[in-house]
Amino acid sequence: MPATIVAAVLGIQPALAQRVSAVKDDFAGRSFSANWFVCHRDESSFAVIAVPGQSFRAARMTVNHRLELGFIELAGHERCRPEDGGPYDVRIFDERAEIWEADALKLPFGTEIWYRFDMWIDPAIPADDDNRLVIGQWKEDGSRSPIVAQRFVDRRFTIDVEQDNDDPATAYAGNTDCRIYIAHDSPFAALASAVGVTPSYLGGALEAHAGFFAGSMAHDPQDTVHAALPASESSLPTCAREISVTPHNLLPDVFGRWTRMLYHMKATADASGRLEVWADDQPIVTVTGRIGFRDHRLDQQYFKFGPYRDHAPYATVSMLANYARGSTRKDVE
């Protein structure tokens, strides 16, 4: 990848993997198992279903349009109810219908781990509203952005990682975080290859290498990009540091169909991190270097799945099936 996007990773040393008990969930029961905390909110609905035309069952998460949010500036729901029907705090402008790995399954930050799951993503996602939409993410404890996230903006599937923003050229006005786009699908590539076109949800210009595009953007913990004056997308430099990205294949079309995802990850805020991604048994990308933030307060990481977005005037559905995680690839396959 171009040097302005990807810096060489030096001094990565092999480490012994910490053995983690394998966890699997085929959603065989009528309700969610103890593997999950369900984030109940007014705009969310959840079900465990038999998938029509398939031999397996799945968790179905739906985030619905809430009309009243359209009339309340900066209203929304940051937290989850402890149980369906209980109270929760009105905070920021977001909507979500997520299930989170239960507290008992949270891992120490930096654990080397494999994940496999099948996912179904709503084909009705609009192609023109630029709305933030994350379905599937790995979080450190705290309020920072996910350290690894699957994003589905404008019906384009991308994956990104986060690190502390150590670039003095972009770290003004609270841009403490750096988001690095590491993988994308064919529609994203078609847009990015058009002359003069950069998706508006990227804070900086993209760079191309052998048909793949990469870029990074500096932002604050609230996901706001602060630009230097005069503001210009094309003038914003990349913020990625101490990370190497090797693309292998484009992400597949995931909308309205079942897609199998496989992740091998070791998040660490030094240069020894690693992320490998496969989709439908095809290698997508290999990443080495800094993945995650230095200020993980509780030293924990965990997986979440389901639509998380800014307020939007439509419903979005996703489904999760055949979830597994473990210390080795064999554990999850």
C-alpha atoms as a PDB file:
ATOM      1  CA  MET A   1       0.000   0.000   0.000  1.00  0.00           C
ATOM      2  CA  PRO A   2       1.175   3.615  -0.492  1.00  0.00           C
ATOM      3  CA  ALA A   3       3.531   4.856   2.198  1.00  0.00           C
ATOM      4  CA  THR A   4       1.241   7.782   3.055  1.00  0.00           C
ATOM      5  CA  ILE A   5      -1.456   5.323   4.088  1.00  0.00           C
ATOM      6  CA  VAL A   6       0.486   2.420   5.477  1.00  0.00           C
ATOM      7  CA  ALA A   7       3.694   2.588   7.470  1.00  0.00           C
ATOM      8  CA  ALA A   8       5.991  -0.410   7.805  1.00  0.00           C
ATOM      9  CA  VAL A   9       5.613  -2.423  10.964  1.00  0.00           C
ATOM     10  CA  LEU A  10       8.903  -3.144  12.678  1.00  0.00           C
ATOM     11  CA  GLY A  11       9.802  -5.419  15.531  1.00  0.00           C
ATOM     12  CA  ILE A  12       6.697  -7.599  15.646  1.00  0.00           C
ATOM     13  CA  GLN A  13       7.492 -10.578  17.858  1.00  0.00           C
ATOM     14  CA  PRO A  14       5.538 -13.846  17.960  1.00  0.00           C
ATOM     15  CA  ALA A  15       3.582 -14.411  21.161  1.00  0.00           C
ATOM     16  CA  LEU A  16       2.002 -17.446  22.730  1.00  0.00           C
ATOM     17  CA  ALA A  17      -1.772 -17.462  22.280  1.00  0.00           C
ATOM     18  CA  GLN A  18      -3.859 -17.331  25.438  1.00  0.00           C
ATOM     19  CA  ARG A  19      -6.193 -20.323  25.442  1.00  0.00           C
ATOM     20  CA  VAL A  20      -9.853 -19.295  25.465  1.00  0.00           C
ATOM     21  CA  SER A  21     -12.691 -21.761  25.857  1.00  0.00           C
ATOM     22  CA  ALA A  22     -14.623 -22.185  22.614  1.00  0.00           C
ATOM     23  CA  VAL A  23     -18.131 -20.706  22.537  1.00  0.00           C
ATOM     24  CA  LYS A  24     -20.796 -21.600  19.962  1.00  0.00           C
ATOM     25  CA  ASP A  25     -24.405 -20.530  19.539  1.00  0.00           C
ATOM     26  CA  ASP A  26     -26.760 -21.876  16.888  1.00  0.00           C
ATOM     27  CA  PHE A  27     -29.780 -20.030  18.391  1.00  0.00           C
ATOM     28  CA  ALA A  28     -31.595 -23.321  18.880  1.00  0.00           C
ATOM     29  CA  GLY A  29     -33.845 -22.062  21.693  1.00  0.00           C
ATOM     30  CA  ARG A  30     -36.918 -19.878  21.526  1.00  0.00           C
ATOM     31  CA  SER A  31     -35.083 -16.965  23.121  1.00  0.00           C
ATOM     32  CA  PHE A  32     -31.529 -15.702  23.454  1.00  0.00           C
ATOM     33  CA  SER A  33     -29.076 -17.813  25.410  1.00  0.00           C
ATOM     34  CA  ALA A  34     -26.908 -16.624  28.288  1.00  0.00           C
ATOM     35  CA  ASN A  35     -24.191 -15.860  25.732  1.00  0.00           C
ATOM     36  CA  TRP A  36     -25.876 -12.527  24.974  1.00  0.00           C
ATOM     37  CA  PHE A  37     -26.953  -9.254  26.534  1.00  0.00           C
ATOM     38  CA  VAL A  38     -29.879  -7.888  24.494  1.00  0.00           C
ATOM     39  CA  CYS A  39     -29.918  -4.093  24.184  1.00  0.00           C
ATOM     40  CA  HIS A  40     -33.639  -3.342  24.532  1.00  0.00           C
ATOM     41  CA  ARG A  41     -34.719   0.148  23.458  1.00  0.00           C
ATOM     42  CA  ASP A  42     -37.925   1.727  22.134  1.00  0.00           C
ATOM     43  CA  GLU A  43     -36.720   1.589  18.540  1.00  0.00           C
ATOM     44  CA  SER A  44     -35.439  -2.016  18.643  1.00  0.00           C
ATOM     45  CA  SER A  45     -37.058  -5.430  18.277  1.00  0.00           C
ATOM     46  CA  PHE A  46     -35.493  -8.888  18.587  1.00  0.00           C
ATOM     47  CA  ALA A  47     -36.421 -12.470  17.790  1.00  0.00           C
ATOM     48  CA  VAL A  48     -34.861 -15.923  17.475  1.00  0.00           C
ATOM     49  CA  ILE A  49     -36.294 -17.529  14.368  1.00  0.00           C
ATOM     50  CA  ALA A  50     -36.166 -20.514  12.033  1.00  0.00           C
ATOM     51  CA  VAL A  51     -34.758 -19.050   8.821  1.00  0.00           C
ATOM     52  CA  PRO A  52     -37.072 -19.644   5.833  1.00  0.00           C
ATOM     53  CA  GLY A  53     -35.402 -21.850   3.227  1.00  0.00           C
ATOM     54  CA  GLN A  54     -32.440 -22.652   5.505  1.00  0.00           C
ATOM     55  CA  SER A  55     -31.647 -25.509   7.868  1.00  0.00           C
ATOM     56  CA  PHE A  56     -30.471 -23.223  10.670  1.00  0.00           C
ATOM     57  CA  ARG A  57     -31.926 -20.735  13.127  1.00  0.00           C
ATOM     58  CA  ALA A  58     -30.867 -17.131  13.602  1.00  0.00           C
ATOM     59  CA  ALA A  59     -31.088 -14.054  15.770  1.00  0.00           C
ATOM     60  CA  ARG A  60     -33.019 -11.259  14.049  1.00  0.00           C
ATOM     61  CA  MET A  61     -32.388  -7.655  15.077  1.00  0.00           C
ATOM     62  CA  THR A  62     -34.512  -4.765  13.749  1.00  0.00           C
ATOM     63  CA  VAL A  63     -33.968  -1.077  14.362  1.00  0.00           C
ATOM     64  CA  ASN A  64     -37.144   0.875  13.612  1.00  0.00           C
ATOM     65  CA  HIS A  65     -37.843   4.472  12.680  1.00  0.00           C
ATOM     66  CA  ARG A  66     -38.955   6.555  15.655  1.00  0.00           C
ATOM     67  CA  LEU A  67     -41.013   9.485  14.395  1.00  0.00           C
ATOM     68  CA  GLU A  68     -40.581  11.609  17.510  1.00  0.00           C
ATOM     69  CA  LEU A  69     -36.813  11.702  17.084  1.00  0.00           C
ATOM     70  CA  GLY A  70     -37.271  13.725  13.921  1.00  0.00           C
ATOM     71  CA  PHE A  71     -38.634  16.591  15.986  1.00  0.00           C
ATOM     72  CA  ILE A  72     -36.172  16.508  18.888  1.00  0.00           C
ATOM     73  CA  GLU A  73     -32.753  17.903  18.136  1.00  0.00           C
ATOM     74  CA  LEU A  74     -29.895  15.716  19.384  1.00  0.00           C
ATOM     75  CA  ALA A  75     -32.253  13.252  21.004  1.00  0.00           C
ATOM     76  CA  GLY A  76     -31.785   9.524  21.003  1.00  0.00           C
ATOM     77  CA  HIS A  77     -30.892   6.630  23.236  1.00  0.00           C
ATOM     78  CA  GLU A  78     -27.351   5.877  24.229  1.00  0.00           C
ATOM     79  CA  ARG A  79     -27.933   3.172  26.790  1.00  0.00           C
ATOM     80  CA  CYS A  80     -29.906  -0.068  26.930  1.00  0.00           C
ATOM     81  CA  ARG A  81     -32.732  -1.090  29.217  1.00  0.00           C
ATOM     82  CA  PRO A  82     -31.694  -3.701  31.780  1.00  0.00           C
ATOM     83  CA  GLU A  83     -34.772  -5.621  30.640  1.00  0.00           C
ATOM     84  CA  ASP A  84     -37.493  -5.238  28.045  1.00  0.00           C
ATOM     85  CA  GLY A  85     -39.853  -2.475  29.185  1.00  0.00           C
ATOM     86  CA  GLY A  86     -37.514  -0.936  31.787  1.00  0.00           C
ATOM     87  CA  PRO A  87     -36.242   2.676  31.858  1.00  0.00           C
ATOM     88  CA  TYR A  88     -33.176   4.046  30.132  1.00  0.00           C
ATOM     89  CA  ASP A  89     -31.506   7.403  29.619  1.00  0.00           C
ATOM     90  CA  VAL A  90     -32.102   9.775  26.721  1.00  0.00           C
ATOM     91  CA  ARG A  91     -28.668  10.927  25.555  1.00  0.00           C
ATOM     92  CA  ILE A  92     -27.321  11.148  22.012  1.00  0.00           C
ATOM     93  CA  PHE A  93     -28.624  10.982  18.450  1.00  0.00           C
ATOM     94  CA  ASP A  94     -28.393   7.299  17.630  1.00  0.00           C
ATOM     95  CA  GLU A  95     -30.544   4.220  17.168  1.00  0.00           C
ATOM     96  CA  ARG A  96     -29.565   0.604  17.704  1.00  0.00           C
ATOM     97  CA  ALA A  97     -30.816  -2.970  17.889  1.00  0.00           C
ATOM     98  CA  GLU A  98     -27.780  -4.916  19.081  1.00  0.00           C
ATOM     99  CA  ILE A  99     -26.936  -8.039  20.991  1.00  0.00           C
ATOM    100  CA  TRP A 100     -23.648  -7.931  22.904  1.00  0.00           C
ATOM    101  CA  GLU A 101     -21.494 -10.757  24.171  1.00  0.00           C
ATOM    102  CA  ALA A 102     -22.476 -11.237  27.814  1.00  0.00           C
ATOM    103  CA  ASP A 103     -20.212  -9.855  30.540  1.00  0.00           C
ATOM    104  CA  ALA A 104     -19.092 -13.390  31.397  1.00  0.00           C
ATOM    105  CA  LEU A 105     -17.739 -13.772  27.843  1.00  0.00           C
ATOM    106  CA  LYS A 106     -15.786 -10.522  27.657  1.00  0.00           C
ATOM    107  CA  LEU A 107     -12.086 -11.073  26.986  1.00  0.00           C
ATOM    108  CA  PRO A 108      -8.976  -9.272  28.203  1.00  0.00           C
ATOM    109  CA  PHE A 109      -7.966  -6.627  25.686  1.00  0.00           C
ATOM    110  CA  GLY A 110      -5.355  -8.071  23.345  1.00  0.00           C
ATOM    111  CA  THR A 111      -6.551 -11.690  23.508  1.00  0.00           C
ATOM    112  CA  GLU A 112      -5.779 -13.562  20.297  1.00  0.00           C
ATOM    113  CA  ILE A 113      -9.147 -14.883  19.126  1.00  0.00           C
ATOM    114  CA  TRP A 114     -11.016 -16.349  16.135  1.00  0.00           C
ATOM    115  CA  TYR A 115     -14.641 -15.554  15.261  1.00  0.00           C
ATOM    116  CA  ARG A 116     -16.925 -17.152  12.713  1.00  0.00           C
ATOM    117  CA  PHE A 117     -20.527 -16.221  11.991  1.00  0.00           C
ATOM    118  CA  ASP A 118     -23.089 -16.091   9.203  1.00  0.00           C
ATOM    119  CA  MET A 119     -24.854 -12.780   8.635  1.00  0.00           C
ATOM    120  CA  TRP A 120     -27.781 -11.443   6.613  1.00  0.00           C
ATOM    121  CA  ILE A 121     -27.834  -7.709   5.845  1.00  0.00           C
ATOM    122  CA  ASP A 122     -30.948  -5.778   4.828  1.00  0.00           C
ATOM    123  CA  PRO A 123     -31.017  -5.193   1.033  1.00  0.00           C
ATOM    124  CA  ALA A 124     -33.318  -2.171   1.534  1.00  0.00           C
ATOM    125  CA  ILE A 125     -30.512   0.015   2.927  1.00  0.00           C
ATOM    126  CA  PRO A 126     -30.637   3.228   0.837  1.00  0.00           C
ATOM    127  CA  ALA A 127     -27.782   3.944  -1.543  1.00  0.00           C
ATOM    128  CA  ASP A 128     -27.849   7.712  -1.165  1.00  0.00           C
ATOM    129  CA  ASP A 129     -28.293   8.921   2.421  1.00  0.00           C
ATOM    130  CA  ASP A 130     -24.717   8.668   3.805  1.00  0.00           C
ATOM    131  CA  ASN A 131     -26.157   7.501   7.133  1.00  0.00           C
ATOM    132  CA  ARG A 132     -23.738   5.916   9.578  1.00  0.00           C
ATOM    133  CA  LEU A 133     -24.568   2.212   9.874  1.00  0.00           C
ATOM    134  CA  VAL A 134     -22.496  -0.384  11.733  1.00  0.00           C
ATOM    135  CA  ILE A 135     -23.564  -4.045  11.913  1.00  0.00           C
ATOM    136  CA  GLY A 136     -20.944  -6.164  13.673  1.00  0.00           C
ATOM    137  CA  GLN A 137     -18.188  -4.606  15.749  1.00  0.00           C
ATOM    138  CA  TRP A 138     -15.548  -5.314  18.369  1.00  0.00           C
ATOM    139  CA  LYS A 139     -15.315  -2.813  21.205  1.00  0.00           C
ATOM    140  CA  GLU A 140     -12.872  -1.997  23.953  1.00  0.00           C
ATOM    141  CA  ASP A 141     -14.456  -0.978  27.227  1.00  0.00           C
ATOM    142  CA  GLY A 142     -15.251   2.724  27.319  1.00  0.00           C
ATOM    143  CA  SER A 143     -16.890   5.095  24.856  1.00  0.00           C
ATOM    144  CA  ARG A 144     -14.365   5.074  21.999  1.00  0.00           C
ATOM    145  CA  SER A 145     -15.209   3.891  18.481  1.00  0.00           C
ATOM    146  CA  PRO A 146     -15.140   0.146  17.782  1.00  0.00           C
ATOM    147  CA  ILE A 147     -11.605  -1.161  17.282  1.00  0.00           C
ATOM    148  CA  VAL A 148     -12.899  -3.239  14.341  1.00  0.00           C
ATOM    149  CA  ALA A 149     -16.174  -2.440  12.574  1.00  0.00           C
ATOM    150  CA  GLN A 150     -18.272  -3.596   9.644  1.00  0.00           C
ATOM    151  CA  ARG A 151     -19.859  -0.503   8.044  1.00  0.00           C
ATOM    152  CA  PHE A 152     -22.697  -0.475   5.493  1.00  0.00           C
ATOM    153  CA  VAL A 153     -23.024   3.150   4.422  1.00  0.00           C
ATOM    154  CA  ASP A 154     -24.865   3.838   1.138  1.00  0.00           C
ATOM    155  CA  ARG A 155     -25.174   0.053   0.545  1.00  0.00           C
ATOM    156  CA  ARG A 156     -21.392  -0.227   0.401  1.00  0.00           C
ATOM    157  CA  PHE A 157     -19.687  -2.714   2.706  1.00  0.00           C
ATOM    158  CA  THR A 158     -16.395  -1.651   4.294  1.00  0.00           C
ATOM    159  CA  ILE A 159     -14.327  -2.815   7.266  1.00  0.00           C
ATOM    160  CA  ASP A 160     -12.188  -0.479   9.347  1.00  0.00           C
ATOM    161  CA  VAL A 161      -9.896  -0.532  12.367  1.00  0.00           C
ATOM    162  CA  GLU A 162      -9.142   2.224  14.878  1.00  0.00           C
ATOM    163  CA  GLN A 163      -6.026   3.452  16.644  1.00  0.00           C
ATOM    164  CA  ASP A 164      -4.906   6.479  18.645  1.00  0.00           C
ATOM    165  CA  ASN A 165      -4.229   9.417  16.369  1.00  0.00           C
ATOM    166  CA  ASP A 166      -0.508  10.153  16.762  1.00  0.00           C
ATOM    167  CA  ASP A 167      -0.315  12.338  13.665  1.00  0.00           C
ATOM    168  CA  PRO A 168       0.295  15.973  14.707  1.00  0.00           C
ATOM    169  CA  ALA A 169      -0.945  17.207  11.316  1.00  0.00           C
ATOM    170  CA  THR A 170      -4.494  15.949  12.001  1.00  0.00           C
ATOM    171  CA  ALA A 171      -4.739  15.837  15.809  1.00  0.00           C
ATOM    172  CA  TYR A 172      -6.265  19.308  16.189  1.00  0.00           C
ATOM    173  CA  ALA A 173      -9.696  20.116  17.691  1.00  0.00           C
ATOM    174  CA  GLY A 174     -10.074  16.809  19.501  1.00  0.00           C
ATOM    175  CA  ASN A 175      -9.257  14.441  16.635  1.00  0.00           C
ATOM    176  CA  THR A 176      -7.891  11.863  19.065  1.00  0.00           C
ATOM    177  CA  ASP A 177      -8.898   8.796  17.010  1.00  0.00           C
ATOM    178  CA  CYS A 178      -7.752   7.498  13.632  1.00  0.00           C
ATOM    179  CA  ARG A 179     -10.034   5.287  11.522  1.00  0.00           C
ATOM    180  CA  ILE A 180      -8.344   3.198   8.828  1.00  0.00           C
ATOM    181  CA  TYR A 181     -10.402   1.609   6.057  1.00  0.00           C
ATOM    182  CA  ILE A 182      -8.878  -1.814   5.336  1.00  0.00           C
ATOM    183  CA  ALA A 183     -11.399  -3.588   3.082  1.00  0.00           C
ATOM    184  CA  HIS A 184     -14.300  -2.770   0.784  1.00  0.00           C
ATOM    185  CA  ASP A 185     -16.688  -4.238  -1.770  1.00  0.00           C
ATOM    186  CA  SER A 186     -16.995  -3.706  -5.519  1.00  0.00           C
ATOM    187  CA  PRO A 187     -19.549  -0.826  -5.400  1.00  0.00           C
ATOM    188  CA  PHE A 188     -17.208   1.084  -3.086  1.00  0.00           C
ATOM    189  CA  ALA A 189     -14.323   0.488  -5.508  1.00  0.00           C
ATOM    190  CA  ALA A 190     -16.443   1.719  -8.422  1.00  0.00           C
ATOM    191  CA  LEU A 191     -17.265   4.929  -6.576  1.00  0.00           C
ATOM    192  CA  ALA A 192     -13.715   5.488  -5.381  1.00  0.00           C
ATOM    193  CA  SER A 193     -12.266   4.945  -8.854  1.00  0.00           C
ATOM    194  CA  ALA A 194     -14.474   7.647 -10.387  1.00  0.00           C
ATOM    195  CA  VAL A 195     -12.491  10.802 -11.056  1.00  0.00           C
ATOM    196  CA  GLY A 196     -12.679  13.259  -8.189  1.00  0.00           C
ATOM    197  CA  VAL A 197     -15.077  11.178  -6.098  1.00  0.00           C
ATOM    198  CA  THR A 198     -14.431  10.415  -2.443  1.00  0.00           C
ATOM    199  CA  PRO A 199     -17.303   9.070  -0.287  1.00  0.00           C
ATOM    200  CA  SER A 200     -18.495  11.889   1.950  1.00  0.00           C
ATOM    201  CA  TYR A 201     -18.259   9.703   5.052  1.00  0.00           C
ATOM    202  CA  LEU A 202     -14.464   9.535   4.621  1.00  0.00           C
ATOM    203  CA  GLY A 203     -12.582  12.460   6.063  1.00  0.00           C
ATOM    204  CA  GLY A 204      -9.661  12.286   3.667  1.00  0.00           C
ATOM    205  CA  ALA A 205      -8.752  11.346   0.133  1.00  0.00           C
ATOM    206  CA  LEU A 206      -8.420   7.694  -0.860  1.00  0.00           C
ATOM    207  CA  GLU A 207      -5.364   6.174  -2.438  1.00  0.00           C
ATOM    208  CA  ALA A 208      -5.417   3.272  -4.880  1.00  0.00           C
ATOM    209  CA  HIS A 209      -3.122   0.284  -5.197  1.00  0.00           C
ATOM    210  CA  ALA A 210      -3.722  -2.618  -7.601  1.00  0.00           C
ATOM    211  CA  GLY A 211      -7.459  -1.963  -7.706  1.00  0.00           C
ATOM    212  CA  PHE A 212      -7.874  -1.633  -3.936  1.00  0.00           C
ATOM    213  CA  PHE A 213      -8.493   1.617  -2.089  1.00  0.00           C
ATOM    214  CA  ALA A 214      -7.412   2.605   1.392  1.00  0.00           C
ATOM    215  CA  GLY A 215      -7.547   5.729   3.468  1.00  0.00           C
ATOM    216  CA  SER A 216      -7.757   6.962   7.014  1.00  0.00           C
ATOM    217  CA  MET A 217      -9.532   9.798   8.759  1.00  0.00           C
ATOM    218  CA  ALA A 218      -8.950  11.603  12.028  1.00  0.00           C
ATOM    219  CA  HIS A 219     -12.035  12.120  14.194  1.00  0.00           C
ATOM    220  CA  ASP A 220     -13.083  12.773  17.772  1.00  0.00           C
ATOM    221  CA  PRO A 221     -14.703  10.197  20.103  1.00  0.00           C
ATOM    222  CA  GLN A 222     -18.155  11.416  18.978  1.00  0.00           C
ATOM    223  CA  ASP A 223     -17.294  10.466  15.363  1.00  0.00           C
ATOM    224  CA  THR A 224     -16.980  14.105  14.249  1.00  0.00           C
ATOM    225  CA  VAL A 225     -14.207  14.989  11.807  1.00  0.00           C
ATOM    226  CA  HIS A 226     -12.590  18.341  12.553  1.00  0.00           C
ATOM    227  CA  ALA A 227     -10.945  19.817   9.483  1.00  0.00           C
ATOM    228  CA  ALA A 228      -8.228  22.430   9.302  1.00  0.00           C
ATOM    229  CA  LEU A 229      -9.119  25.718   7.619  1.00  0.00           C
ATOM    230  CA  PRO A 230      -9.657  26.040   4.768  1.00  0.00           C
ATOM    231  CA  ALA A 231     -11.683  22.828   4.965  1.00  0.00           C
ATOM    232  CA  SER A 232     -11.195  20.497   2.031  1.00  0.00           C
ATOM    233  CA  GLU A 233     -11.623  16.728   1.881  1.00  0.00           C
ATOM    234  CA  SER A 234      -8.784  16.382  -0.584  1.00  0.00           C
ATOM    235  CA  SER A 235      -6.406  18.371   1.628  1.00  0.00           C
ATOM    236  CA  LEU A 236      -6.833  16.206   4.716  1.00  0.00           C
ATOM    237  CA  PRO A 237      -3.778  13.966   5.166  1.00  0.00           C
ATOM    238  CA  THR A 238      -4.049  10.387   6.329  1.00  0.00           C
ATOM    239  CA  CYS A 239      -3.476   9.712  10.026  1.00  0.00           C
ATOM    240  CA  ALA A 240      -2.554   5.987   9.977  1.00  0.00           C
ATOM    241  CA  ARG A 241       0.666   5.109  11.778  1.00  0.00           C
ATOM    242  CA  GLU A 242       2.525   1.838  12.488  1.00  0.00           C
ATOM    243  CA  ILE A 243       0.147  -0.335  10.516  1.00  0.00           C
ATOM    244  CA  SER A 244       0.432  -2.432   7.368  1.00  0.00           C
ATOM    245  CA  VAL A 245      -2.550  -3.450   5.218  1.00  0.00           C
ATOM    246  CA  THR A 246      -2.337  -6.222   2.612  1.00  0.00           C
ATOM    247  CA  PRO A 247      -5.541  -6.634   0.553  1.00  0.00           C
ATOM    248  CA  HIS A 248      -6.329  -9.984  -1.066  1.00  0.00           C
ATOM    249  CA  ASN A 249      -9.880  -9.782  -2.448  1.00  0.00           C
ATOM    250  CA  LEU A 250     -12.870  -7.445  -2.502  1.00  0.00           C
ATOM    251  CA  LEU A 251     -15.630  -8.028   0.019  1.00  0.00           C
ATOM    252  CA  PRO A 252     -18.624  -9.836  -1.523  1.00  0.00           C
ATOM    253  CA  ASP A 253     -22.120  -8.509  -2.104  1.00  0.00           C
ATOM    254  CA  VAL A 254     -23.728  -9.182   1.280  1.00  0.00           C
ATOM    255  CA  PHE A 255     -27.154  -7.583   0.871  1.00  0.00           C
ATOM    256  CA  GLY A 256     -30.186  -9.869   1.030  1.00  0.00           C
ATOM    257  CA  ARG A 257     -28.125 -13.061   1.259  1.00  0.00           C
ATOM    258  CA  TRP A 258     -26.259 -15.121   3.857  1.00  0.00           C
ATOM    259  CA  THR A 259     -22.528 -14.442   4.065  1.00  0.00           C
ATOM    260  CA  ARG A 260     -20.030 -16.334   6.205  1.00  0.00           C
ATOM    261  CA  MET A 261     -17.437 -14.152   7.934  1.00  0.00           C
ATOM    262  CA  LEU A 262     -14.242 -15.382   9.604  1.00  0.00           C
ATOM    263  CA  TYR A 263     -12.019 -13.097  11.700  1.00  0.00           C
ATOM    264  CA  HIS A 264      -8.669 -13.791  13.353  1.00  0.00           C
ATOM    265  CA  MET A 265      -7.652 -10.879  15.558  1.00  0.00           C
ATOM    266  CA  LYS A 266      -5.207  -9.733  18.172  1.00  0.00           C
ATOM    267  CA  ALA A 267      -5.841  -6.120  19.074  1.00  0.00           C
ATOM    268  CA  THR A 268      -3.002  -4.219  20.705  1.00  0.00           C
ATOM    269  CA  ALA A 269      -2.017  -0.576  20.811  1.00  0.00           C
ATOM    270  CA  ASP A 270       1.608  -1.423  20.064  1.00  0.00           C
ATOM    271  CA  ALA A 271       2.943  -2.773  16.765  1.00  0.00           C
ATOM    272  CA  SER A 272       2.181  -6.455  17.466  1.00  0.00           C
ATOM    273  CA  GLY A 273      -1.500  -6.454  16.513  1.00  0.00           C
ATOM    274  CA  ARG A 274      -2.957  -8.628  13.775  1.00  0.00           C
ATOM    275  CA  LEU A 275      -6.241  -8.933  11.918  1.00  0.00           C
ATOM    276  CA  GLU A 276      -7.139 -11.406   9.167  1.00  0.00           C
ATOM    277  CA  VAL A 277     -10.546 -11.458   7.483  1.00  0.00           C
ATOM    278  CA  TRP A 278     -12.211 -14.044   5.231  1.00  0.00           C
ATOM    279  CA  ALA A 279     -15.656 -13.816   3.593  1.00  0.00           C
ATOM    280  CA  ASP A 280     -17.343 -16.867   2.098  1.00  0.00           C
ATOM    281  CA  ASP A 281     -14.022 -18.728   2.508  1.00  0.00           C
ATOM    282  CA  GLN A 282     -12.093 -16.143   0.454  1.00  0.00           C
ATOM    283  CA  PRO A 283      -9.206 -14.223   2.086  1.00  0.00           C
ATOM    284  CA  ILE A 284     -10.023 -10.505   2.171  1.00  0.00           C
ATOM    285  CA  VAL A 285      -7.260  -8.670   4.017  1.00  0.00           C
ATOM    286  CA  THR A 286      -4.326  -9.064   6.406  1.00  0.00           C
ATOM    287  CA  VAL A 287      -3.476  -6.227   8.788  1.00  0.00           C
ATOM    288  CA  THR A 288      -0.508  -6.002  11.160  1.00  0.00           C
ATOM    289  CA  GLY A 289       0.407  -3.230  13.590  1.00  0.00           C
ATOM    290  CA  ARG A 290      -1.496  -0.952  15.970  1.00  0.00           C
ATOM    291  CA  ILE A 291      -5.156  -1.940  16.347  1.00  0.00           C
ATOM    292  CA  GLY A 292      -7.032  -0.403  19.277  1.00  0.00           C
ATOM    293  CA  PHE A 293      -6.578   2.357  21.836  1.00  0.00           C
ATOM    294  CA  ARG A 294      -4.165   2.734  24.735  1.00  0.00           C
ATOM    295  CA  ASP A 295      -6.712   3.857  27.333  1.00  0.00           C
ATOM    296  CA  HIS A 296      -8.763   0.665  27.773  1.00  0.00           C
ATOM    297  CA  ARG A 297      -9.817   1.242  31.357  1.00  0.00           C
ATOM    298  CA  LEU A 298     -11.190  -2.182  32.264  1.00  0.00           C
ATOM    299  CA  ASP A 299      -8.846  -4.130  29.963  1.00  0.00           C
ATOM    300  CA  GLN A 300     -11.778  -5.776  28.165  1.00  0.00           C
ATOM    301  CA  GLN A 301     -12.982  -6.370  24.619  1.00  0.00           C
ATOM    302  CA  TYR A 302     -16.229  -7.841  23.297  1.00  0.00           C
ATOM    303  CA  PHE A 303     -18.282  -8.459  20.136  1.00  0.00           C
ATOM    304  CA  LYS A 304     -21.597  -6.804  19.244  1.00  0.00           C
ATOM    305  CA  PHE A 305     -23.962  -7.460  16.358  1.00  0.00           C
ATOM    306  CA  GLY A 306     -27.019  -5.660  15.031  1.00  0.00           C
ATOM    307  CA  PRO A 307     -27.805  -2.315  13.378  1.00  0.00           C
ATOM    308  CA  TYR A 308     -26.261   0.738  15.060  1.00  0.00           C
ATOM    309  CA  ARG A 309     -26.896   3.987  13.188  1.00  0.00           C
ATOM    310  CA  ASP A 310     -27.761   7.645  13.256  1.00  0.00           C
ATOM    311  CA  HIS A 311     -31.484   8.374  13.286  1.00  0.00           C
ATOM    312  CA  ALA A 312     -33.110   7.425   9.958  1.00  0.00           C
ATOM    313  CA  PRO A 313     -36.692   7.385   8.608  1.00  0.00           C
ATOM    314  CA  TYR A 314     -36.738   3.666   7.793  1.00  0.00           C
ATOM    315  CA  ALA A 315     -36.272   0.278   9.454  1.00  0.00           C
ATOM    316  CA  THR A 316     -33.122  -1.837   9.064  1.00  0.00           C
ATOM    317  CA  VAL A 317     -32.976  -5.608   9.666  1.00  0.00           C
ATOM    318  CA  SER A 318     -29.988  -7.881  10.206  1.00  0.00           C
ATOM    319  CA  MET A 319     -29.625 -11.517  11.214  1.00  0.00           C
ATOM    320  CA  LEU A 320     -26.840 -13.517  12.876  1.00  0.00           C
ATOM    321  CA  ALA A 321     -26.426 -17.311  12.759  1.00  0.00           C
ATOM    322  CA  ASN A 322     -23.849 -20.031  13.483  1.00  0.00           C
ATOM    323  CA  TYR A 323     -21.791 -17.876  15.844  1.00  0.00           C
ATOM    324  CA  ALA A 324     -18.557 -19.349  17.163  1.00  0.00           C
ATOM    325  CA  ARG A 325     -15.368 -18.090  18.750  1.00  0.00           C
ATOM    326  CA  GLY A 326     -12.232 -19.770  20.019  1.00  0.00           C
ATOM    327  CA  SER A 327      -8.456 -19.707  20.293  1.00  0.00           C
ATOM    328  CA  THR A 328      -7.870 -21.518  16.998  1.00  0.00           C
ATOM    329  CA  ARG A 329      -9.417 -21.732  13.568  1.00  0.00           C
ATOM    330  CA  LYS A 330     -10.292 -25.343  14.308  1.00  0.00           C
ATOM    331  CA  ASP A 331     -12.355 -24.193  17.289  1.00  0.00           C
ATOM    332  CA  VAL A 332     -14.736 -22.235  15.055  1.00  0.00           C
ATOM    333  CA  GLU A 333     -14.911 -24.330  11.895  1.00  0.00           C
END
